[in-house]
Amino acid sequence: MLVNLKEILDYAEKRGCAVGMFNGTGLDSIQAVIGAAEMMDEPVIIAHAEVHNVYNDISLVGPAMLAAAKNAKVPVCVHLDHGVTMEMIDRALALGFTSVMVDASALPYEENIKMTQEVVKKAHAQGCSVEAELGRIATTEAGGETKVLLHAEDYYTDADEAKDFVGRTGVDALAIAFGTSHGFYTAPPKLDFSVIERVAASTNVPLVMHGGSGVSEEGFRTAIKAGIRKINYYSYMSKAGYEAAKACIESGKTKYLHDVEEAARDAMKEDVMRAIRVFSLRGE
């Protein structure tokens, strides 16, 4: 069933857990994410990142995501991830996305507030949730292999600034920086969980972890207990699909692309199930 982000985050807050957001770059990954959520009987967020629009335009992948969400047996939010232009945000709203992330974190503080306020006004008018970002994730959404910054604290979200930002914008969720990076880590990330605690106490809104791939299970659990309610996860899910596709090709057992796609889809589904198990604090 199709729901907005606020509904999903209310669920996470009541349970004291987090809900995973997974990028759907094509039909195989959309099926993998929804299938994993149904197998785990947990809500999920499926997203289209603006940076991925070069692979599948939102006009094609968006309706597929929405159809999959409406037909799902579990609550599904369809989310625009890292919307950096008003054009892309407006396209997502017009299609019926139930959540948009406005990422104006690279802009000066007051400009970030102004753009976020504009998006909140538009989105809330049609029942769509809004996530924004304050502080800087060390790498861009495009990812790649990343090195942990020597002075990552320079990017961290300030609790007092976050309180002012949330109060002036009315966002439904806030992505914060506390030491994670997009893409693949070449060294274990140095995470400052006290940043999460301080921002959670000052804002009273659900907090979002970007750059979730590569964080240890213990790191996830600590972040969730500190106040993280949404975790963005893509790179290692995609890597699992890539490795399965490569193995299928190298096996020489098929010459059909659909067999390769099936192998990739099944591997991504297993990886997403593992992530959901951790985020939902199963076994705690």
Protein backbone atom coordinates (compact mmCIF):
# COMPACT_ATOMS: atom_id res chain seq x y z
CA MET A 1 0.00 0.00 0.00
CA LEU A 2 1.19 3.49 -0.83
CA VAL A 3 1.82 5.76 2.17
CA ASN A 4 3.80 8.93 2.82
CA LEU A 5 7.06 9.19 4.73
CA LYS A 6 5.46 10.65 7.85
CA GLU A 7 3.31 7.53 8.28
CA ILE A 8 6.34 5.27 7.97
CA LEU A 9 8.43 7.34 10.36
CA ASP A 10 5.59 7.42 12.91
CA TYR A 11 5.69 3.62 12.79
CA ALA A 12 9.46 3.61 13.29
CA GLU A 13 9.23 6.06 16.19
CA LYS A 14 6.61 3.97 17.98
CA ARG A 15 8.78 0.87 17.66
CA GLY A 16 12.07 2.64 18.35
CA CYS A 17 13.56 1.23 15.13
CA ALA A 18 14.47 2.52 11.67
CA VAL A 19 12.99 1.94 8.21
CA GLY A 20 15.27 1.41 5.24
CA MET A 21 15.27 3.52 2.08
CA PHE A 22 16.55 1.71 -0.99
CA ASN A 23 17.08 3.19 -4.45
CA GLY A 24 15.08 1.69 -7.28
CA THR A 25 17.19 2.30 -10.37
CA GLY A 26 15.20 -0.11 -12.54
CA LEU A 27 12.51 -2.76 -12.46
CA ASP A 28 14.87 -5.41 -11.06
CA SER A 29 15.80 -3.34 -8.01
CA ILE A 30 12.19 -2.21 -7.48
CA GLN A 31 11.08 -5.84 -7.42
CA ALA A 32 13.97 -6.76 -5.11
CA VAL A 33 13.14 -4.06 -2.56
CA ILE A 34 9.38 -4.64 -2.50
CA GLY A 35 9.85 -8.41 -2.44
CA ALA A 36 12.26 -8.18 0.48
CA ALA A 37 9.90 -5.94 2.45
CA GLU A 38 7.01 -8.33 1.88
CA MET A 39 9.11 -11.32 2.95
CA MET A 40 10.13 -9.48 6.13
CA ASP A 41 6.61 -8.03 6.65
CA GLU A 42 8.09 -4.59 7.25
CA PRO A 43 7.39 -1.17 5.71
CA VAL A 44 9.92 0.19 3.26
CA ILE A 45 10.90 3.35 1.38
CA ILE A 46 11.80 3.03 -2.29
CA ALA A 47 13.52 5.97 -3.89
CA HIS A 48 14.58 7.58 -7.13
CA ALA A 49 17.68 9.73 -6.73
CA GLU A 50 18.03 12.74 -9.01
CA VAL A 51 21.60 11.67 -9.77
CA HIS A 52 20.25 8.36 -11.12
CA ASN A 53 17.90 10.09 -13.56
CA VAL A 54 20.45 9.61 -16.35
CA TYR A 55 19.88 5.83 -16.17
CA ASN A 56 16.09 5.79 -16.02
CA ASP A 57 14.10 8.99 -16.32
CA ILE A 58 11.64 9.66 -13.52
CA SER A 59 8.83 9.66 -16.10
CA LEU A 60 9.53 5.93 -16.64
CA VAL A 61 10.75 4.64 -13.29
CA GLY A 62 8.41 6.79 -11.18
CA PRO A 63 5.12 5.22 -12.36
CA ALA A 64 6.67 1.75 -11.96
CA MET A 65 7.63 2.54 -8.36
CA LEU A 66 4.17 3.91 -7.61
CA ALA A 67 2.44 0.87 -9.15
CA ALA A 68 4.65 -1.50 -7.17
CA ALA A 69 3.93 0.43 -3.95
CA LYS A 70 0.17 0.40 -4.50
CA ASN A 71 0.20 -3.37 -5.11
CA ALA A 72 2.50 -4.17 -2.18
CA LYS A 73 1.30 -6.11 0.85
CA VAL A 74 3.23 -3.79 3.17
CA PRO A 75 3.31 0.03 3.54
CA VAL A 76 5.60 1.57 0.93
CA CYS A 77 6.67 5.20 0.59
CA VAL A 78 7.80 6.39 -2.86
CA HIS A 79 10.51 8.98 -2.28
CA LEU A 80 12.63 11.38 -4.32
CA ASP A 81 16.15 11.13 -2.95
CA HIS A 82 18.55 14.10 -3.07
CA GLY A 83 16.34 16.42 -5.08
CA VAL A 84 18.71 19.28 -5.80
CA THR A 85 16.65 21.12 -8.43
CA MET A 86 13.11 22.44 -8.19
CA GLU A 87 12.45 20.98 -11.63
CA MET A 88 13.03 17.42 -10.42
CA ILE A 89 11.12 17.99 -7.19
CA ASP A 90 8.16 19.38 -9.15
CA ARG A 91 8.25 16.36 -11.47
CA ALA A 92 8.14 13.98 -8.51
CA LEU A 93 5.22 15.86 -6.96
CA ALA A 94 3.32 15.86 -10.26
CA LEU A 95 3.75 12.09 -10.57
CA GLY A 96 2.37 11.50 -7.08
CA PHE A 97 5.49 10.68 -5.07
CA THR A 98 4.56 10.56 -1.39
CA SER A 99 7.85 12.00 -0.15
CA VAL A 100 10.56 14.28 -1.52
CA MET A 101 13.99 15.14 -0.21
CA VAL A 102 15.11 18.66 -0.93
CA ASP A 103 18.89 18.71 -0.73
CA ALA A 104 20.03 22.31 -0.54
CA SER A 105 22.79 21.49 1.95
CA ALA A 106 25.48 22.78 -0.41
CA LEU A 107 23.88 26.24 -0.34
CA PRO A 108 24.41 28.89 2.33
CA TYR A 109 22.23 28.31 5.40
CA GLU A 110 19.58 30.94 4.65
CA GLU A 111 19.28 29.78 1.04
CA ASN A 112 18.84 26.19 2.25
CA ILE A 113 16.00 27.39 4.48
CA LYS A 114 14.35 29.38 1.68
CA MET A 115 14.38 26.50 -0.81
CA THR A 116 13.21 24.02 1.82
CA GLN A 117 10.34 26.29 2.85
CA GLU A 118 9.20 26.49 -0.77
CA VAL A 119 9.25 22.71 -1.14
CA VAL A 120 7.43 22.14 2.17
CA LYS A 121 4.65 24.52 1.10
CA LYS A 122 4.16 22.72 -2.23
CA ALA A 123 4.50 19.19 -0.91
CA HIS A 124 2.37 19.50 2.22
CA ALA A 125 -0.45 20.95 0.10
CA GLN A 126 -0.81 17.52 -1.52
CA GLY A 127 -0.07 15.33 1.49
CA CYS A 128 3.54 14.66 0.51
CA SER A 129 6.22 14.49 3.21
CA VAL A 130 9.49 16.43 3.05
CA GLU A 131 13.01 15.51 4.12
CA ALA A 132 15.83 18.05 4.12
CA GLU A 133 19.53 17.92 4.92
CA LEU A 134 21.63 19.98 7.29
CA GLY A 135 25.36 19.47 7.63
CA ARG A 136 27.33 17.81 4.84
CA ILE A 137 27.78 14.14 4.01
CA ALA A 138 31.43 13.81 3.05
CA THR A 139 30.76 12.67 -0.54
CA THR A 140 28.12 13.29 -3.18
CA GLU A 141 25.19 10.97 -3.79
CA ALA A 142 26.99 9.58 -6.84
CA GLY A 143 29.19 7.72 -4.35
CA GLY A 144 32.22 5.77 -5.54
CA GLU A 145 35.00 4.66 -3.22
CA THR A 146 35.45 7.16 -0.39
CA LYS A 147 38.06 7.84 2.23
CA VAL A 148 37.03 8.83 5.74
CA LEU A 149 37.77 12.50 6.31
CA LEU A 150 40.52 13.47 8.72
CA HIS A 151 38.37 16.34 10.01
CA ALA A 152 34.87 14.91 9.53
CA GLU A 153 33.61 16.95 12.49
CA ASP A 154 33.76 20.02 10.22
CA TYR A 155 30.78 18.54 8.37
CA TYR A 156 28.70 17.53 11.41
CA THR A 157 25.21 18.89 11.97
CA ASP A 158 24.96 21.49 14.74
CA ALA A 159 22.10 20.84 17.17
CA ASP A 160 21.19 24.51 17.71
CA GLU A 161 21.22 25.20 13.97
CA ALA A 162 19.08 22.10 13.42
CA LYS A 163 16.51 23.34 15.92
CA ASP A 164 16.26 26.68 14.12
CA PHE A 165 16.12 24.97 10.71
CA VAL A 166 13.31 22.57 11.63
CA GLY A 167 11.33 25.30 13.36
CA ARG A 168 11.49 27.62 10.36
CA THR A 169 10.89 25.02 7.63
CA GLY A 170 8.44 22.50 9.12
CA VAL A 171 10.17 19.50 7.54
CA ASP A 172 8.98 15.99 8.40
CA ALA A 173 12.48 14.48 8.61
CA LEU A 174 16.04 15.75 8.77
CA ALA A 175 19.11 14.11 7.27
CA ILE A 176 22.11 14.82 9.46
CA ALA A 177 25.88 14.46 9.18
CA PHE A 178 27.71 12.54 11.89
CA GLY A 179 30.53 10.82 9.98
CA THR A 180 28.96 8.68 7.24
CA SER A 181 29.75 8.91 3.52
CA HIS A 182 28.02 7.85 0.32
CA GLY A 183 29.49 5.00 -1.69
CA PHE A 184 32.02 2.36 -0.64
CA TYR A 185 34.24 2.86 2.39
CA THR A 186 37.98 2.20 2.11
CA ALA A 187 38.29 2.41 5.91
CA PRO A 188 35.78 2.01 8.75
CA PRO A 189 33.79 5.23 9.21
CA LYS A 190 34.33 7.25 12.38
CA LEU A 191 30.82 7.95 13.62
CA ASP A 192 29.97 10.45 16.36
CA PHE A 193 26.72 9.13 17.82
CA SER A 194 26.53 12.03 20.29
CA VAL A 195 25.67 14.27 17.31
CA ILE A 196 22.52 12.19 16.76
CA GLU A 197 21.57 12.42 20.42
CA ARG A 198 22.04 16.20 20.55
CA VAL A 199 20.12 16.85 17.33
CA ALA A 200 17.31 14.47 18.33
CA ALA A 201 16.91 16.28 21.64
CA SER A 202 16.88 19.71 20.03
CA THR A 203 14.56 19.07 17.07
CA ASN A 204 12.06 16.35 18.01
CA VAL A 205 11.77 15.18 14.37
CA PRO A 206 12.79 11.82 12.87
CA LEU A 207 16.43 11.82 11.85
CA VAL A 208 17.90 10.26 8.72
CA MET A 209 21.22 8.49 8.14
CA HIS A 210 22.66 8.85 4.64
CA GLY A 211 25.59 6.73 3.53
CA GLY A 212 24.29 3.66 5.33
CA SER A 213 26.12 1.10 3.21
CA GLY A 214 29.30 -0.15 4.88
CA VAL A 215 28.31 0.71 8.44
CA SER A 216 28.59 -2.23 10.85
CA GLU A 217 25.50 -3.84 12.37
CA GLU A 218 26.61 -2.56 15.76
CA GLY A 219 26.95 0.93 14.28
CA PHE A 220 23.43 0.78 12.87
CA ARG A 221 21.95 -0.35 16.18
CA THR A 222 23.77 2.37 18.12
CA ALA A 223 22.62 5.03 15.64
CA ILE A 224 19.02 3.81 15.82
CA LYS A 225 19.02 3.86 19.60
CA ALA A 226 20.41 7.40 19.48
CA GLY A 227 17.49 8.58 17.32
CA ILE A 228 17.95 7.57 13.66
CA ARG A 229 14.61 6.52 12.13
CA LYS A 230 15.39 6.31 8.39
CA ILE A 231 18.50 4.72 6.88
CA ASN A 232 19.49 5.21 3.24
CA TYR A 233 21.11 2.10 1.79
CA TYR A 234 22.07 1.45 -1.81
CA SER A 235 25.74 0.87 -2.69
CA TYR A 236 26.16 -2.60 -1.19
CA MET A 237 22.75 -3.71 -2.41
CA SER A 238 23.83 -2.70 -5.92
CA LYS A 239 27.19 -4.42 -5.42
CA ALA A 240 25.40 -7.65 -4.45
CA GLY A 241 23.44 -7.50 -7.69
CA TYR A 242 26.55 -6.75 -9.72
CA GLU A 243 28.48 -9.68 -8.25
CA ALA A 244 25.60 -12.09 -8.84
CA ALA A 245 25.23 -10.92 -12.44
CA LYS A 246 28.97 -11.30 -13.00
CA ALA A 247 28.96 -14.83 -11.56
CA CYS A 248 25.99 -15.77 -13.73
CA ILE A 249 27.74 -14.57 -16.88
CA GLU A 250 31.04 -16.20 -15.99
CA SER A 251 29.32 -19.54 -15.28
CA GLY A 252 28.62 -19.91 -19.00
CA LYS A 253 25.27 -21.53 -18.21
CA THR A 254 23.19 -18.96 -20.08
CA LYS A 255 23.33 -16.48 -22.90
CA TYR A 256 20.07 -14.78 -21.94
CA LEU A 257 20.02 -11.37 -20.29
CA HIS A 258 16.87 -12.22 -18.33
CA ASP A 259 18.76 -14.96 -16.48
CA VAL A 260 21.44 -12.45 -15.50
CA GLU A 261 18.81 -9.95 -14.39
CA GLU A 262 17.07 -12.62 -12.30
CA ALA A 263 20.32 -13.51 -10.55
CA ALA A 264 21.00 -9.84 -9.79
CA ARG A 265 17.45 -9.29 -8.53
CA ASP A 266 17.56 -12.29 -6.20
CA ALA A 267 20.92 -11.24 -4.76
CA MET A 268 19.71 -7.68 -4.15
CA LYS A 269 16.58 -9.03 -2.49
CA GLU A 270 18.66 -11.12 -0.07
CA ASP A 271 20.87 -8.13 0.75
CA VAL A 272 17.86 -5.88 1.35
CA MET A 273 16.29 -8.51 3.61
CA ARG A 274 19.48 -8.60 5.66
CA ALA A 275 19.46 -4.80 5.95
CA ILE A 276 15.79 -4.69 6.96
CA ARG A 277 16.46 -7.31 9.62
CA VAL A 278 19.13 -5.05 11.14
CA PHE A 279 17.18 -1.78 10.80
CA SER A 280 14.03 -3.24 12.38
CA LEU A 281 16.14 -4.49 15.34
CA ARG A 282 14.98 -8.06 14.85
CA GLY A 283 16.39 -10.26 17.59
CA GLU A 284 17.04 -7.36 19.96
